[in-house]
């Protein structure tokens, strides 16, 4: 037995974190999990590996690892499927529609643009842009109208630019992954907690050193800071109502996304960075389970007290964050929505398309937080030999 081609791993205090070729990640929660690479050095057969892991659970564990594509036998019995998801250019997954090819632009940016931004002139330029944006934000919403006489155009332009900014955020994650010697396997477009979103398969980042994992998780937020700065500055300087309105609304929207992503409450970039910093790959489910247990007056062996507190913060803070975010979003888009809803059929349709994803995302997220925080997850601490799959 040996690790299948393309599998990468790292040892954590919770077990062995494994990245499998099809893009899924797994936490191997087993007393001898971190010794698995050592046990595989001489390519033992199935019974020998099972015995090393400890019978009888080892037998089941080896079978699960083979079924998950983590292990293969030395005879090449479980090789990558040339027609499998990893080899197709377009794949429909549970997360959304995924495509290959993100690695090429990420490598170009890492090779040509990152060195320029990291140079002394590049850093001075970035600092100047961010300072200008900070001053522009402090000035508040620009005086005068922020919706043109054709609100449908405002909505379409804002939607297109907003999607491009979201794609840039995700591209930054891919660039960071390439910078640290890993490969972004696919990029995707789908729904996360009911809201439309882009994403990049950063599974291979799980095998990076801790500092690199944290940087990779927060890379998109660095791009957001620059985007906010540029948008806010343009909004203050432009004399064109269309540009002023679109830029200011997007500046507020990206700032809202920045705060939502940065705070380690929802399972977004800030939470991923915190989990990597604490070396807790399954931080979210453990914290929610600990919080649910605390509400019932029970505790699980090996679960620290702070885990239940953090679980409560993610539920209560998450609900507050979603409510506050909805208020901020409505305040920023109120004038545009009024212009759309009082217009013709096309304008009303555009308004519905703007409101529906936000309302649906907030509703689904609130329900998800309540269910995850109040319903006990008995499979968070699975029996030895279980491979907990992740996205």
Foldseek 3Di string as FASTA:
>chain_A
DAFAPPKFWDAFPQAIWIAALLLWIWGQRFPCRVCLNVQPPVQDDLVSQLVVSPPDLSNLLSVVCVVVRGDDHPVPPDHDDCPDNLNDQWDQDPAAIKGFDLLVVLVVCLVPVVVVCVDPVNVVVLVVLLVQLVVLVVVPQAPDAQADPDLLVLLVVLVVVLQVLLVQLQSQLQNLQVNQPHHFRIKGWHADLLFTHIHISPSVLNNPQLVSSLCSLCRSLSSLSSLLSVLSNQLHPDPDSSSNNSSVLSSLVSVLVSVVQCPLQPPHSNVSSVCSNVSNNLLQLQLLQQLQQVVVVHHDPPRDPVSVVSLVCSLVVVLVSLVVSVVSNCVSCVVSLVSLCPDDPSSPVSSCVVVVSSVSSSVSSNVVSVCSNNPHDPPPPPPNSDIGMDD
